[in-house]
Amino acid sequence: HFCPKFKSCSFRPGVVIGIVGVIFMDRNLEFSRAVFAERALENAVMLGAEQYVIFRPHTNRFAYKKPHWAENLRVFEVDSLDRIHEKLYKLEREGIEVPEGLYYVEGDFRDKSWKDTLCSCDAYRSDGETVVNLYEITQCVGRPVFESLLRTIYEATGEGSAIIFDYIDESMGYIGRAYSEYAIEGILSQCGFRLYEHVNAEEMRQQYLRFYNLFSSNPPI
């Protein structure tokens, strides 16, 4: 399903969005990062979340393999039109049908117009509890764009919504696109958010890769 354009969201002052989690960016931890996101999403669904918005989904196929607890969850993938067409072509080539409850939203997270397109979807509720996935977004933009995106998400989602995102630790030396935990908390606070869970790379390994490393014959991750 493609979402139409040219219809604005209603903004409800006083919306409070909780942050489900933040994880340290580590290319060797992509599996555990996906598990982290799905666990956070499941918790949010149990608490009443009914929508899942994924920015730049790329290879994310959550909507095509929904677990039982997400059967009624509406999923909105926000991406460029070219990437959406590319994904649809690959799905058709593999014989995979677009499932019910999945909506494609044309938009660029750097441009606030994605909000109008998303809110134009008949299936999307701007006052509904929503989980927003922003994996790998902070690595693409500087702080001003990131803050603008957070504020726009704040306007487009309902009370009780949550955001999942990762970031590069400033110790890695990515000038302008890396943050300390203190800086992240400050940004979230300025944009009306609160930090609920923060997990670094070592904690990710302990929580999600420990059993794999104990019982796998492959080299430890």
C-alpha atoms as a PDB file:
ATOM      1  CA  HIS A   1       0.000   0.000   0.000  1.00  0.00           C
ATOM      2  CA  PHE A   2       1.297   3.461  -0.902  1.00  0.00           C
ATOM      3  CA  CYS A   3       0.289   6.363   1.300  1.00  0.00           C
ATOM      4  CA  PRO A   4      -1.074   9.509  -0.392  1.00  0.00           C
ATOM      5  CA  LYS A   5       0.228  13.007   0.241  1.00  0.00           C
ATOM      6  CA  PHE A   6      -1.090  16.452   1.154  1.00  0.00           C
ATOM      7  CA  LYS A   7      -2.902  16.062   4.422  1.00  0.00           C
ATOM      8  CA  SER A   8      -1.504  17.494   7.627  1.00  0.00           C
ATOM      9  CA  CYS A   9      -1.225  15.845  11.032  1.00  0.00           C
ATOM     10  CA  SER A  10      -3.093  17.150  14.013  1.00  0.00           C
ATOM     11  CA  PHE A  11      -0.697  18.255  16.755  1.00  0.00           C
ATOM     12  CA  ARG A  12      -1.689  17.620  20.347  1.00  0.00           C
ATOM     13  CA  PRO A  13       0.337  19.706  22.834  1.00  0.00           C
ATOM     14  CA  GLY A  14       1.700  17.912  25.854  1.00  0.00           C
ATOM     15  CA  VAL A  15       2.484  14.626  24.116  1.00  0.00           C
ATOM     16  CA  VAL A  16       5.142  12.702  26.038  1.00  0.00           C
ATOM     17  CA  ILE A  17       7.257  10.161  24.188  1.00  0.00           C
ATOM     18  CA  GLY A  18       9.343   7.587  26.054  1.00  0.00           C
ATOM     19  CA  ILE A  19      12.572   6.256  24.639  1.00  0.00           C
ATOM     20  CA  VAL A  20      12.597   2.471  24.609  1.00  0.00           C
ATOM     21  CA  GLY A  21      16.318   2.103  24.090  1.00  0.00           C
ATOM     22  CA  VAL A  22      19.579   3.311  22.634  1.00  0.00           C
ATOM     23  CA  ILE A  23      22.434   1.042  21.612  1.00  0.00           C
ATOM     24  CA  PHE A  24      26.041   1.624  20.732  1.00  0.00           C
ATOM     25  CA  MET A  25      26.750   1.458  17.000  1.00  0.00           C
ATOM     26  CA  ASP A  26      28.828  -1.639  16.244  1.00  0.00           C
ATOM     27  CA  ARG A  27      28.746  -3.393  12.864  1.00  0.00           C
ATOM     28  CA  ASN A  28      29.515  -6.725  14.531  1.00  0.00           C
ATOM     29  CA  LEU A  29      26.381  -6.460  16.626  1.00  0.00           C
ATOM     30  CA  GLU A  30      23.718  -6.151  13.947  1.00  0.00           C
ATOM     31  CA  PHE A  31      22.043  -9.400  14.992  1.00  0.00           C
ATOM     32  CA  SER A  32      21.796  -8.379  18.634  1.00  0.00           C
ATOM     33  CA  ARG A  33      20.635  -4.921  17.595  1.00  0.00           C
ATOM     34  CA  ALA A  34      17.726  -6.477  15.684  1.00  0.00           C
ATOM     35  CA  VAL A  35      16.853  -8.653  18.685  1.00  0.00           C
ATOM     36  CA  PHE A  36      16.999  -5.605  20.935  1.00  0.00           C
ATOM     37  CA  ALA A  37      14.583  -3.712  18.678  1.00  0.00           C
ATOM     38  CA  GLU A  38      12.136  -6.603  18.468  1.00  0.00           C
ATOM     39  CA  ARG A  39      12.176  -7.108  22.228  1.00  0.00           C
ATOM     40  CA  ALA A  40      11.532  -3.404  22.787  1.00  0.00           C
ATOM     41  CA  LEU A  41       8.747  -3.449  20.204  1.00  0.00           C
ATOM     42  CA  GLU A  42       7.087  -6.453  21.814  1.00  0.00           C
ATOM     43  CA  ASN A  43       7.120  -4.726  25.197  1.00  0.00           C
ATOM     44  CA  ALA A  44       5.566  -1.623  23.636  1.00  0.00           C
ATOM     45  CA  VAL A  45       2.858  -3.677  21.900  1.00  0.00           C
ATOM     46  CA  MET A  46       1.991  -5.341  25.202  1.00  0.00           C
ATOM     47  CA  LEU A  47       1.525  -1.824  26.625  1.00  0.00           C
ATOM     48  CA  GLY A  48      -0.766  -0.719  23.800  1.00  0.00           C
ATOM     49  CA  ALA A  49       1.378   0.311  20.814  1.00  0.00           C
ATOM     50  CA  GLU A  50      -0.497  -0.253  17.557  1.00  0.00           C
ATOM     51  CA  GLN A  51       1.840   1.267  14.929  1.00  0.00           C
ATOM     52  CA  TYR A  52       5.471   0.718  13.951  1.00  0.00           C
ATOM     53  CA  VAL A  53       7.266   3.290  11.800  1.00  0.00           C
ATOM     54  CA  ILE A  54      10.619   2.294  10.288  1.00  0.00           C
ATOM     55  CA  PHE A  55      12.834   4.920   8.678  1.00  0.00           C
ATOM     56  CA  ARG A  56      15.165   3.769   5.892  1.00  0.00           C
ATOM     57  CA  PRO A  57      14.187   0.090   6.376  1.00  0.00           C
ATOM     58  CA  HIS A  58      16.559  -1.264   3.692  1.00  0.00           C
ATOM     59  CA  THR A  59      16.750  -4.998   4.446  1.00  0.00           C
ATOM     60  CA  ASN A  60      14.397  -4.845   7.422  1.00  0.00           C
ATOM     61  CA  ARG A  61      11.752  -7.526   6.863  1.00  0.00           C
ATOM     62  CA  PHE A  62       9.916  -7.436  10.145  1.00  0.00           C
ATOM     63  CA  ALA A  63       6.596  -6.778   8.393  1.00  0.00           C
ATOM     64  CA  TYR A  64       7.006  -9.969   6.333  1.00  0.00           C
ATOM     65  CA  LYS A  65       7.644 -12.269   9.280  1.00  0.00           C
ATOM     66  CA  LYS A  66       5.502 -10.852  12.046  1.00  0.00           C
ATOM     67  CA  PRO A  67       5.475 -12.877  15.260  1.00  0.00           C
ATOM     68  CA  HIS A  68       2.085 -13.714  16.721  1.00  0.00           C
ATOM     69  CA  TRP A  69       2.149 -10.798  19.146  1.00  0.00           C
ATOM     70  CA  ALA A  70       2.434  -8.340  16.215  1.00  0.00           C
ATOM     71  CA  GLU A  71      -0.377  -9.717  14.054  1.00  0.00           C
ATOM     72  CA  ASN A  72      -2.487  -6.563  14.448  1.00  0.00           C
ATOM     73  CA  LEU A  73       0.426  -4.120  14.344  1.00  0.00           C
ATOM     74  CA  ARG A  74       0.364  -1.654  11.440  1.00  0.00           C
ATOM     75  CA  VAL A  75       3.806  -1.121   9.906  1.00  0.00           C
ATOM     76  CA  PHE A  76       4.862   1.982   7.960  1.00  0.00           C
ATOM     77  CA  GLU A  77       8.146   1.982   6.048  1.00  0.00           C
ATOM     78  CA  VAL A  78       9.420   5.500   5.287  1.00  0.00           C
ATOM     79  CA  ASP A  79      11.922   5.653   2.451  1.00  0.00           C
ATOM     80  CA  SER A  80      12.679   7.250  -0.902  1.00  0.00           C
ATOM     81  CA  LEU A  81      10.505   6.258  -3.840  1.00  0.00           C
ATOM     82  CA  ASP A  82      13.469   4.664  -5.611  1.00  0.00           C
ATOM     83  CA  ARG A  83      14.253   2.466  -2.612  1.00  0.00           C
ATOM     84  CA  ILE A  84      10.620   1.470  -2.243  1.00  0.00           C
ATOM     85  CA  HIS A  85      10.450   0.411  -5.880  1.00  0.00           C
ATOM     86  CA  GLU A  86      13.740  -1.463  -5.520  1.00  0.00           C
ATOM     87  CA  LYS A  87      12.390  -3.369  -2.524  1.00  0.00           C
ATOM     88  CA  LEU A  88       9.137  -4.210  -4.290  1.00  0.00           C
ATOM     89  CA  TYR A  89      11.094  -5.507  -7.271  1.00  0.00           C
ATOM     90  CA  LYS A  90      13.183  -7.791  -5.049  1.00  0.00           C
ATOM     91  CA  LEU A  91      10.089  -9.068  -3.251  1.00  0.00           C
ATOM     92  CA  GLU A  92       8.366  -9.839  -6.537  1.00  0.00           C
ATOM     93  CA  ARG A  93      11.472 -11.610  -7.811  1.00  0.00           C
ATOM     94  CA  GLU A  94      11.522 -13.769  -4.672  1.00  0.00           C
ATOM     95  CA  GLY A  95       7.789 -14.468  -4.876  1.00  0.00           C
ATOM     96  CA  ILE A  96       6.991 -12.659  -1.637  1.00  0.00           C
ATOM     97  CA  GLU A  97       3.643 -10.862  -1.425  1.00  0.00           C
ATOM     98  CA  VAL A  98       3.232  -7.558   0.381  1.00  0.00           C
ATOM     99  CA  PRO A  99       1.416  -8.478   3.602  1.00  0.00           C
ATOM    100  CA  GLU A 100      -1.680  -6.815   4.980  1.00  0.00           C
ATOM    101  CA  GLY A 101      -0.913  -4.082   7.451  1.00  0.00           C
ATOM    102  CA  LEU A 102       2.228  -2.844   5.666  1.00  0.00           C
ATOM    103  CA  TYR A 103       2.266   0.652   4.181  1.00  0.00           C
ATOM    104  CA  TYR A 104       4.986   2.314   2.110  1.00  0.00           C
ATOM    105  CA  VAL A 105       5.522   6.002   2.829  1.00  0.00           C
ATOM    106  CA  GLU A 106       7.566   8.079   0.413  1.00  0.00           C
ATOM    107  CA  GLY A 107       9.740  10.494   2.345  1.00  0.00           C
ATOM    108  CA  ASP A 108      13.188  11.708   3.335  1.00  0.00           C
ATOM    109  CA  PHE A 109      13.861  11.945   7.050  1.00  0.00           C
ATOM    110  CA  ARG A 110      15.889  15.109   6.371  1.00  0.00           C
ATOM    111  CA  ASP A 111      12.716  16.802   5.094  1.00  0.00           C
ATOM    112  CA  LYS A 112       9.743  17.368   7.384  1.00  0.00           C
ATOM    113  CA  SER A 113       7.301  16.640   4.560  1.00  0.00           C
ATOM    114  CA  TRP A 114       7.401  12.905   5.430  1.00  0.00           C
ATOM    115  CA  LYS A 115       5.120  13.738   8.347  1.00  0.00           C
ATOM    116  CA  ASP A 116       2.331  14.984   6.058  1.00  0.00           C
ATOM    117  CA  THR A 117       2.626  11.904   3.857  1.00  0.00           C
ATOM    118  CA  LEU A 118       2.547   9.558   6.835  1.00  0.00           C
ATOM    119  CA  CYS A 119      -0.424  11.296   8.396  1.00  0.00           C
ATOM    120  CA  SER A 120      -2.261  11.141   5.068  1.00  0.00           C
ATOM    121  CA  CYS A 121      -2.420   7.367   5.374  1.00  0.00           C
ATOM    122  CA  ASP A 122      -5.927   6.362   6.354  1.00  0.00           C
ATOM    123  CA  ALA A 123      -4.399   3.563   8.424  1.00  0.00           C
ATOM    124  CA  TYR A 124      -2.139   5.892  10.426  1.00  0.00           C
ATOM    125  CA  ARG A 125      -3.322   7.563  13.613  1.00  0.00           C
ATOM    126  CA  SER A 126      -1.320  10.581  14.744  1.00  0.00           C
ATOM    127  CA  ASP A 127      -2.765  10.181  18.231  1.00  0.00           C
ATOM    128  CA  GLY A 128      -2.030   6.449  18.439  1.00  0.00           C
ATOM    129  CA  GLU A 129       0.751   4.811  20.416  1.00  0.00           C
ATOM    130  CA  THR A 130       3.613   4.331  17.992  1.00  0.00           C
ATOM    131  CA  VAL A 131       7.098   2.830  18.008  1.00  0.00           C
ATOM    132  CA  VAL A 132       9.589   4.559  15.694  1.00  0.00           C
ATOM    133  CA  ASN A 133      12.762   2.811  14.528  1.00  0.00           C
ATOM    134  CA  LEU A 134      15.632   5.187  13.689  1.00  0.00           C
ATOM    135  CA  TYR A 135      18.503   2.738  13.367  1.00  0.00           C
ATOM    136  CA  GLU A 136      21.535   4.175  11.541  1.00  0.00           C
ATOM    137  CA  ILE A 137      19.974   7.629  11.208  1.00  0.00           C
ATOM    138  CA  THR A 138      22.339   9.546  13.505  1.00  0.00           C
ATOM    139  CA  GLN A 139      25.320   8.362  11.464  1.00  0.00           C
ATOM    140  CA  CYS A 140      23.884  10.052   8.350  1.00  0.00           C
ATOM    141  CA  VAL A 141      23.195  13.545   9.650  1.00  0.00           C
ATOM    142  CA  GLY A 142      24.535  16.198  11.985  1.00  0.00           C
ATOM    143  CA  ARG A 143      22.970  17.223  15.260  1.00  0.00           C
ATOM    144  CA  PRO A 144      20.622  19.962  13.898  1.00  0.00           C
ATOM    145  CA  VAL A 145      18.931  17.552  11.468  1.00  0.00           C
ATOM    146  CA  PHE A 146      18.706  14.853  14.128  1.00  0.00           C
ATOM    147  CA  GLU A 147      17.058  17.235  16.573  1.00  0.00           C
ATOM    148  CA  SER A 148      14.634  18.451  13.898  1.00  0.00           C
ATOM    149  CA  LEU A 149      13.669  14.854  13.129  1.00  0.00           C
ATOM    150  CA  LEU A 150      12.990  14.111  16.793  1.00  0.00           C
ATOM    151  CA  ARG A 151      10.778  17.168  17.117  1.00  0.00           C
ATOM    152  CA  THR A 152       8.829  16.202  13.999  1.00  0.00           C
ATOM    153  CA  ILE A 153       8.334  12.678  15.348  1.00  0.00           C
ATOM    154  CA  TYR A 154       7.092  14.241  18.579  1.00  0.00           C
ATOM    155  CA  GLU A 155       4.425  16.093  16.604  1.00  0.00           C
ATOM    156  CA  ALA A 156       3.394  13.069  14.541  1.00  0.00           C
ATOM    157  CA  THR A 157       2.892  10.492  17.289  1.00  0.00           C
ATOM    158  CA  GLY A 158       0.631  10.030  20.273  1.00  0.00           C
ATOM    159  CA  GLU A 159       1.173   9.860  24.004  1.00  0.00           C
ATOM    160  CA  GLY A 160       2.933   6.696  25.147  1.00  0.00           C
ATOM    161  CA  SER A 161       4.906   6.347  21.910  1.00  0.00           C
ATOM    162  CA  ALA A 162       8.551   5.299  21.828  1.00  0.00           C
ATOM    163  CA  ILE A 163      11.690   5.643  19.716  1.00  0.00           C
ATOM    164  CA  ILE A 164      14.481   3.116  19.199  1.00  0.00           C
ATOM    165  CA  PHE A 165      17.773   4.389  17.819  1.00  0.00           C
ATOM    166  CA  ASP A 166      21.515   3.878  17.900  1.00  0.00           C
ATOM    167  CA  TYR A 167      24.440   6.283  17.777  1.00  0.00           C
ATOM    168  CA  ILE A 168      28.206   6.389  17.484  1.00  0.00           C
ATOM    169  CA  ASP A 169      30.070   6.945  20.727  1.00  0.00           C
ATOM    170  CA  GLU A 170      32.243  10.052  20.671  1.00  0.00           C
ATOM    171  CA  SER A 171      35.286   7.967  21.636  1.00  0.00           C
ATOM    172  CA  MET A 172      35.287   6.645  18.055  1.00  0.00           C
ATOM    173  CA  GLY A 173      36.137  10.128  16.792  1.00  0.00           C
ATOM    174  CA  TYR A 174      33.367  10.814  14.289  1.00  0.00           C
ATOM    175  CA  ILE A 175      33.321  14.601  14.539  1.00  0.00           C
ATOM    176  CA  GLY A 176      29.826  16.079  14.332  1.00  0.00           C
ATOM    177  CA  ARG A 177      28.090  12.708  14.191  1.00  0.00           C
ATOM    178  CA  ALA A 178      29.151  11.122  17.464  1.00  0.00           C
ATOM    179  CA  TYR A 179      27.778  11.723  20.928  1.00  0.00           C
ATOM    180  CA  SER A 180      28.409  11.041  24.570  1.00  0.00           C
ATOM    181  CA  GLU A 181      25.614   9.522  26.624  1.00  0.00           C
ATOM    182  CA  TYR A 182      25.343  12.872  28.419  1.00  0.00           C
ATOM    183  CA  ALA A 183      24.861  14.706  25.095  1.00  0.00           C
ATOM    184  CA  ILE A 184      22.230  12.211  23.975  1.00  0.00           C
ATOM    185  CA  GLU A 185      20.251  12.720  27.171  1.00  0.00           C
ATOM    186  CA  GLY A 186      20.454  16.485  26.663  1.00  0.00           C
ATOM    187  CA  ILE A 187      19.148  16.277  23.099  1.00  0.00           C
ATOM    188  CA  LEU A 188      16.288  14.014  24.141  1.00  0.00           C
ATOM    189  CA  SER A 189      15.333  16.329  26.981  1.00  0.00           C
ATOM    190  CA  GLN A 190      15.334  19.384  24.710  1.00  0.00           C
ATOM    191  CA  CYS A 191      13.046  17.583  22.268  1.00  0.00           C
ATOM    192  CA  GLY A 192      10.592  16.473  24.952  1.00  0.00           C
ATOM    193  CA  PHE A 193      11.835  12.898  25.398  1.00  0.00           C
ATOM    194  CA  ARG A 194      13.127  10.874  28.292  1.00  0.00           C
ATOM    195  CA  LEU A 195      15.680   8.075  28.165  1.00  0.00           C
ATOM    196  CA  TYR A 196      14.250   4.735  29.255  1.00  0.00           C
ATOM    197  CA  GLU A 197      17.076   2.313  28.454  1.00  0.00           C
ATOM    198  CA  HIS A 198      20.659   2.715  27.290  1.00  0.00           C
ATOM    199  CA  VAL A 199      22.781  -0.279  26.283  1.00  0.00           C
ATOM    200  CA  ASN A 200      26.421  -0.209  25.166  1.00  0.00           C
ATOM    201  CA  ALA A 201      28.294  -2.713  23.006  1.00  0.00           C
ATOM    202  CA  GLU A 202      29.551  -4.879  25.860  1.00  0.00           C
ATOM    203  CA  GLU A 203      26.108  -5.047  27.439  1.00  0.00           C
ATOM    204  CA  MET A 204      24.698  -6.063  24.064  1.00  0.00           C
ATOM    205  CA  ARG A 205      27.168  -8.933  23.860  1.00  0.00           C
ATOM    206  CA  GLN A 206      26.324 -10.058  27.377  1.00  0.00           C
ATOM    207  CA  GLN A 207      22.552  -9.878  26.894  1.00  0.00           C
ATOM    208  CA  TYR A 208      22.103 -11.177  23.367  1.00  0.00           C
ATOM    209  CA  LEU A 209      25.248 -12.994  22.257  1.00  0.00           C
ATOM    210  CA  ARG A 210      26.355 -14.796  25.415  1.00  0.00           C
ATOM    211  CA  PHE A 211      24.490 -18.027  24.677  1.00  0.00           C
ATOM    212  CA  TYR A 212      25.516 -17.952  21.034  1.00  0.00           C
ATOM    213  CA  ASN A 213      29.176 -17.673  22.034  1.00  0.00           C
ATOM    214  CA  LEU A 214      28.846 -20.416  24.662  1.00  0.00           C
ATOM    215  CA  PHE A 215      27.308 -23.048  22.413  1.00  0.00           C
ATOM    216  CA  SER A 216      28.351 -22.111  18.889  1.00  0.00           C
ATOM    217  CA  SER A 217      31.317 -23.801  17.205  1.00  0.00           C
ATOM    218  CA  ASN A 218      31.981 -20.598  15.302  1.00  0.00           C
ATOM    219  CA  PRO A 219      34.449 -17.959  16.561  1.00  0.00           C
ATOM    220  CA  PRO A 220      32.941 -15.831  19.338  1.00  0.00           C
ATOM    221  CA  ILE A 221      31.354 -12.509  18.441  1.00  0.00           C
END
